[in-house]
């Protein structure tokens, strides 16, 4: 099983945690890019990307691998938003905390809107959808926010 947001189970990278360590797809792609290089064929994409640096990526101290991965795309216009989306797992859907999640997330959604890029990507699907829900008038071309790996896929023409 594999989901871009769930990571890759990889005991080699477990740092002593065994198979409980889950490696994020953008961390994995950057490791390949740095060690072996990626397949040629990345093309420019139009409109720019605002990448939301997911809270879990910050908490894992892995750096902003989504940003680093997207920088591999030639001449990309890239803006990073390092604010909480407010979702926090179930925090954003629980009746008792939903209003607080919206209040926190509106600041992030406003920041995404001000960047005025065609795409918005987040390592966290819940955060991305929450931001999109709070900013329906943002210039996001997809019905949903996308994962950064989907932008790389687009750049490859896939």
C-alpha atoms as a PDB file:
ATOM      1  CA  UNK A   1       0.000   0.000   0.000  1.00  0.00           C
ATOM      2  CA  UNK A   2       1.104   3.519  -0.686  1.00  0.00           C
ATOM      3  CA  UNK A   3      -0.477   6.924  -0.379  1.00  0.00           C
ATOM      4  CA  UNK A   4       1.491  10.093  -1.108  1.00  0.00           C
ATOM      5  CA  UNK A   5       0.356  11.676   2.146  1.00  0.00           C
ATOM      6  CA  UNK A   6       0.885   8.555   4.260  1.00  0.00           C
ATOM      7  CA  UNK A   7       4.513   8.034   3.372  1.00  0.00           C
ATOM      8  CA  UNK A   8       6.578   4.952   2.680  1.00  0.00           C
ATOM      9  CA  UNK A   9       7.390   2.328   5.277  1.00  0.00           C
ATOM     10  CA  UNK A  10      11.146   1.935   5.027  1.00  0.00           C
ATOM     11  CA  UNK A  11      13.108   0.256   7.849  1.00  0.00           C
ATOM     12  CA  UNK A  12      16.381   1.504   6.319  1.00  0.00           C
ATOM     13  CA  UNK A  13      15.260   5.074   7.017  1.00  0.00           C
ATOM     14  CA  UNK A  14      13.628   4.284  10.341  1.00  0.00           C
ATOM     15  CA  UNK A  15      16.345   5.950  12.426  1.00  0.00           C
ATOM     16  CA  UNK A  16      15.884   3.213  15.012  1.00  0.00           C
ATOM     17  CA  UNK A  17      12.098   3.278  14.927  1.00  0.00           C
ATOM     18  CA  UNK A  18      11.686   0.078  12.906  1.00  0.00           C
ATOM     19  CA  UNK A  19       8.776  -0.145  10.509  1.00  0.00           C
ATOM     20  CA  UNK A  20       6.773   2.538  12.314  1.00  0.00           C
ATOM     21  CA  UNK A  21       8.731   5.285  10.565  1.00  0.00           C
ATOM     22  CA  UNK A  22       6.886   6.533   7.515  1.00  0.00           C
ATOM     23  CA  UNK A  23       8.842   8.423   4.930  1.00  0.00           C
ATOM     24  CA  UNK A  24       7.055  11.142   2.958  1.00  0.00           C
ATOM     25  CA  UNK A  25       7.020  10.824  -0.846  1.00  0.00           C
ATOM     26  CA  UNK A  26       8.702  14.198  -1.376  1.00  0.00           C
ATOM     27  CA  UNK A  27      11.458  13.220   1.063  1.00  0.00           C
ATOM     28  CA  UNK A  28      11.914  10.007  -0.928  1.00  0.00           C
ATOM     29  CA  UNK A  29      11.987  11.810  -4.298  1.00  0.00           C
ATOM     30  CA  UNK A  30      14.535  14.340  -3.002  1.00  0.00           C
ATOM     31  CA  UNK A  31      16.754  11.513  -1.757  1.00  0.00           C
ATOM     32  CA  UNK A  32      16.706   9.956  -5.236  1.00  0.00           C
ATOM     33  CA  UNK A  33      17.284  13.358  -6.873  1.00  0.00           C
ATOM     34  CA  UNK A  34      20.292  14.045  -4.649  1.00  0.00           C
ATOM     35  CA  UNK A  35      21.856  10.579  -4.911  1.00  0.00           C
ATOM     36  CA  UNK A  36      21.059   9.447  -8.446  1.00  0.00           C
ATOM     37  CA  UNK A  37      19.224  12.259 -10.188  1.00  0.00           C
ATOM     38  CA  UNK A  38      15.735  12.158 -11.643  1.00  0.00           C
ATOM     39  CA  UNK A  39      14.753  11.083 -15.130  1.00  0.00           C
ATOM     40  CA  UNK A  40      15.056  13.926 -17.643  1.00  0.00           C
ATOM     41  CA  UNK A  41      11.838  15.506 -18.837  1.00  0.00           C
ATOM     42  CA  UNK A  42      10.635  17.956 -16.198  1.00  0.00           C
ATOM     43  CA  UNK A  43       9.028  20.865 -18.068  1.00  0.00           C
ATOM     44  CA  UNK A  44       7.967  24.328 -16.951  1.00  0.00           C
ATOM     45  CA  UNK A  45       4.428  24.720 -15.683  1.00  0.00           C
ATOM     46  CA  UNK A  46       2.476  27.915 -16.024  1.00  0.00           C
ATOM     47  CA  UNK A  47       0.892  29.947 -13.274  1.00  0.00           C
ATOM     48  CA  UNK A  48       3.081  29.276 -10.261  1.00  0.00           C
ATOM     49  CA  UNK A  49       2.566  27.161  -7.152  1.00  0.00           C
ATOM     50  CA  UNK A  50       1.876  28.072  -3.558  1.00  0.00           C
ATOM     51  CA  UNK A  51       3.068  25.212  -1.385  1.00  0.00           C
ATOM     52  CA  UNK A  52       1.686  24.824   2.124  1.00  0.00           C
ATOM     53  CA  UNK A  53       4.392  23.435   4.392  1.00  0.00           C
ATOM     54  CA  UNK A  54       2.329  20.906   6.311  1.00  0.00           C
ATOM     55  CA  UNK A  55       2.465  20.971  10.088  1.00  0.00           C
ATOM     56  CA  UNK A  56       3.451  17.295  10.273  1.00  0.00           C
ATOM     57  CA  UNK A  57       6.434  17.967   7.998  1.00  0.00           C
ATOM     58  CA  UNK A  58       7.573  20.742  10.327  1.00  0.00           C
ATOM     59  CA  UNK A  59       7.001  18.542  13.378  1.00  0.00           C
ATOM     60  CA  UNK A  60       9.075  15.729  11.860  1.00  0.00           C
ATOM     61  CA  UNK A  61      11.985  18.148  11.398  1.00  0.00           C
ATOM     62  CA  UNK A  62      12.536  16.915   7.860  1.00  0.00           C
ATOM     63  CA  UNK A  63      12.722  20.365   6.312  1.00  0.00           C
ATOM     64  CA  UNK A  64      10.506  21.565   3.508  1.00  0.00           C
ATOM     65  CA  UNK A  65      11.017  18.695   1.085  1.00  0.00           C
ATOM     66  CA  UNK A  66       7.870  19.609  -0.861  1.00  0.00           C
ATOM     67  CA  UNK A  67       9.404  22.994  -1.690  1.00  0.00           C
ATOM     68  CA  UNK A  68      12.744  21.379  -2.507  1.00  0.00           C
ATOM     69  CA  UNK A  69      11.084  18.835  -4.790  1.00  0.00           C
ATOM     70  CA  UNK A  70       9.058  21.498  -6.617  1.00  0.00           C
ATOM     71  CA  UNK A  71      12.220  23.561  -7.141  1.00  0.00           C
ATOM     72  CA  UNK A  72      13.405  20.774  -9.442  1.00  0.00           C
ATOM     73  CA  UNK A  73      10.839  21.989 -11.996  1.00  0.00           C
ATOM     74  CA  UNK A  74      12.536  24.422 -14.400  1.00  0.00           C
ATOM     75  CA  UNK A  75      11.785  28.136 -13.879  1.00  0.00           C
ATOM     76  CA  UNK A  76       9.017  27.463 -11.380  1.00  0.00           C
ATOM     77  CA  UNK A  77       7.387  30.380  -9.588  1.00  0.00           C
ATOM     78  CA  UNK A  78       7.109  29.056  -6.064  1.00  0.00           C
ATOM     79  CA  UNK A  79       5.770  30.601  -2.874  1.00  0.00           C
ATOM     80  CA  UNK A  80       5.761  28.860   0.499  1.00  0.00           C
ATOM     81  CA  UNK A  81       3.157  29.310   3.219  1.00  0.00           C
ATOM     82  CA  UNK A  82       4.359  28.147   6.625  1.00  0.00           C
ATOM     83  CA  UNK A  83       1.192  28.747   8.625  1.00  0.00           C
ATOM     84  CA  UNK A  84      -1.139  26.279  10.274  1.00  0.00           C
ATOM     85  CA  UNK A  85      -4.141  25.366   8.145  1.00  0.00           C
ATOM     86  CA  UNK A  86      -6.166  24.856  11.300  1.00  0.00           C
ATOM     87  CA  UNK A  87      -7.339  21.355  10.476  1.00  0.00           C
ATOM     88  CA  UNK A  88      -5.119  19.315  12.805  1.00  0.00           C
ATOM     89  CA  UNK A  89      -6.493  15.851  12.023  1.00  0.00           C
ATOM     90  CA  UNK A  90      -9.927  15.540  13.588  1.00  0.00           C
ATOM     91  CA  UNK A  91      -9.726  19.040  15.085  1.00  0.00           C
ATOM     92  CA  UNK A  92     -11.155  20.532  11.901  1.00  0.00           C
ATOM     93  CA  UNK A  93     -14.151  18.222  11.708  1.00  0.00           C
ATOM     94  CA  UNK A  94     -15.187  17.946  15.338  1.00  0.00           C
ATOM     95  CA  UNK A  95     -18.291  19.967  16.093  1.00  0.00           C
ATOM     96  CA  UNK A  96     -16.709  21.426  19.249  1.00  0.00           C
ATOM     97  CA  UNK A  97     -13.572  22.709  17.492  1.00  0.00           C
ATOM     98  CA  UNK A  98     -14.655  23.326  13.882  1.00  0.00           C
ATOM     99  CA  UNK A  99     -15.146  27.088  14.353  1.00  0.00           C
ATOM    100  CA  UNK A 100     -11.670  27.428  15.895  1.00  0.00           C
ATOM    101  CA  UNK A 101     -10.177  25.424  13.008  1.00  0.00           C
ATOM    102  CA  UNK A 102     -11.857  27.780  10.551  1.00  0.00           C
ATOM    103  CA  UNK A 103     -10.629  30.857  12.393  1.00  0.00           C
ATOM    104  CA  UNK A 104      -7.033  29.581  12.380  1.00  0.00           C
ATOM    105  CA  UNK A 105      -7.243  28.432   8.758  1.00  0.00           C
ATOM    106  CA  UNK A 106      -8.676  31.677   7.354  1.00  0.00           C
ATOM    107  CA  UNK A 107      -5.356  33.443   7.871  1.00  0.00           C
ATOM    108  CA  UNK A 108      -3.590  30.725   5.892  1.00  0.00           C
ATOM    109  CA  UNK A 109      -6.259  30.768   3.169  1.00  0.00           C
ATOM    110  CA  UNK A 110      -5.898  34.552   2.865  1.00  0.00           C
ATOM    111  CA  UNK A 111      -2.129  34.182   2.535  1.00  0.00           C
ATOM    112  CA  UNK A 112      -2.587  31.573  -0.215  1.00  0.00           C
ATOM    113  CA  UNK A 113      -4.971  33.900  -2.030  1.00  0.00           C
ATOM    114  CA  UNK A 114      -2.540  36.850  -1.849  1.00  0.00           C
ATOM    115  CA  UNK A 115       0.174  34.725  -3.499  1.00  0.00           C
ATOM    116  CA  UNK A 116      -2.125  34.579  -6.548  1.00  0.00           C
ATOM    117  CA  UNK A 117      -0.655  31.392  -8.001  1.00  0.00           C
ATOM    118  CA  UNK A 118      -2.508  28.993 -10.269  1.00  0.00           C
ATOM    119  CA  UNK A 119      -1.851  25.974  -8.056  1.00  0.00           C
ATOM    120  CA  UNK A 120      -1.870  25.297  -4.333  1.00  0.00           C
ATOM    121  CA  UNK A 121      -0.195  22.156  -3.046  1.00  0.00           C
ATOM    122  CA  UNK A 122       0.135  20.682   0.415  1.00  0.00           C
ATOM    123  CA  UNK A 123       1.761  17.539   1.806  1.00  0.00           C
ATOM    124  CA  UNK A 124      -1.320  17.173   3.953  1.00  0.00           C
ATOM    125  CA  UNK A 125      -4.514  16.367   2.038  1.00  0.00           C
ATOM    126  CA  UNK A 126      -6.700  17.425   4.965  1.00  0.00           C
ATOM    127  CA  UNK A 127      -4.923  20.765   5.309  1.00  0.00           C
ATOM    128  CA  UNK A 128      -5.098  21.351   1.562  1.00  0.00           C
ATOM    129  CA  UNK A 129      -8.818  20.622   1.423  1.00  0.00           C
ATOM    130  CA  UNK A 130      -9.433  22.772   4.485  1.00  0.00           C
ATOM    131  CA  UNK A 131      -7.561  25.712   2.923  1.00  0.00           C
ATOM    132  CA  UNK A 132      -9.475  25.205  -0.338  1.00  0.00           C
ATOM    133  CA  UNK A 133     -12.773  25.099   1.546  1.00  0.00           C
ATOM    134  CA  UNK A 134     -11.923  28.395   3.257  1.00  0.00           C
ATOM    135  CA  UNK A 135     -10.793  30.076   0.048  1.00  0.00           C
ATOM    136  CA  UNK A 136     -13.162  29.020  -2.716  1.00  0.00           C
ATOM    137  CA  UNK A 137     -12.344  32.182  -4.633  1.00  0.00           C
ATOM    138  CA  UNK A 138      -8.609  31.464  -4.648  1.00  0.00           C
ATOM    139  CA  UNK A 139      -7.111  30.864  -8.094  1.00  0.00           C
ATOM    140  CA  UNK A 140      -6.794  27.107  -7.642  1.00  0.00           C
ATOM    141  CA  UNK A 141      -7.629  25.402 -10.914  1.00  0.00           C
ATOM    142  CA  UNK A 142      -8.419  21.988  -9.445  1.00  0.00           C
ATOM    143  CA  UNK A 143     -11.613  21.115  -7.633  1.00  0.00           C
ATOM    144  CA  UNK A 144      -9.358  20.169  -4.732  1.00  0.00           C
ATOM    145  CA  UNK A 145      -5.945  21.203  -3.528  1.00  0.00           C
ATOM    146  CA  UNK A 146      -3.250  18.901  -4.859  1.00  0.00           C
ATOM    147  CA  UNK A 147      -0.291  17.077  -3.371  1.00  0.00           C
ATOM    148  CA  UNK A 148       3.137  18.395  -4.491  1.00  0.00           C
ATOM    149  CA  UNK A 149       3.884  15.090  -6.248  1.00  0.00           C
ATOM    150  CA  UNK A 150       0.919  15.814  -8.538  1.00  0.00           C
ATOM    151  CA  UNK A 151       2.607  19.043  -9.630  1.00  0.00           C
ATOM    152  CA  UNK A 152       5.774  17.089 -10.425  1.00  0.00           C
ATOM    153  CA  UNK A 153       3.648  14.602 -12.373  1.00  0.00           C
ATOM    154  CA  UNK A 154       2.109  17.488 -14.334  1.00  0.00           C
ATOM    155  CA  UNK A 155       5.600  18.801 -15.070  1.00  0.00           C
ATOM    156  CA  UNK A 156       6.528  15.397 -16.512  1.00  0.00           C
ATOM    157  CA  UNK A 157       3.382  15.544 -18.682  1.00  0.00           C
ATOM    158  CA  UNK A 158       1.772  12.586 -16.934  1.00  0.00           C
END
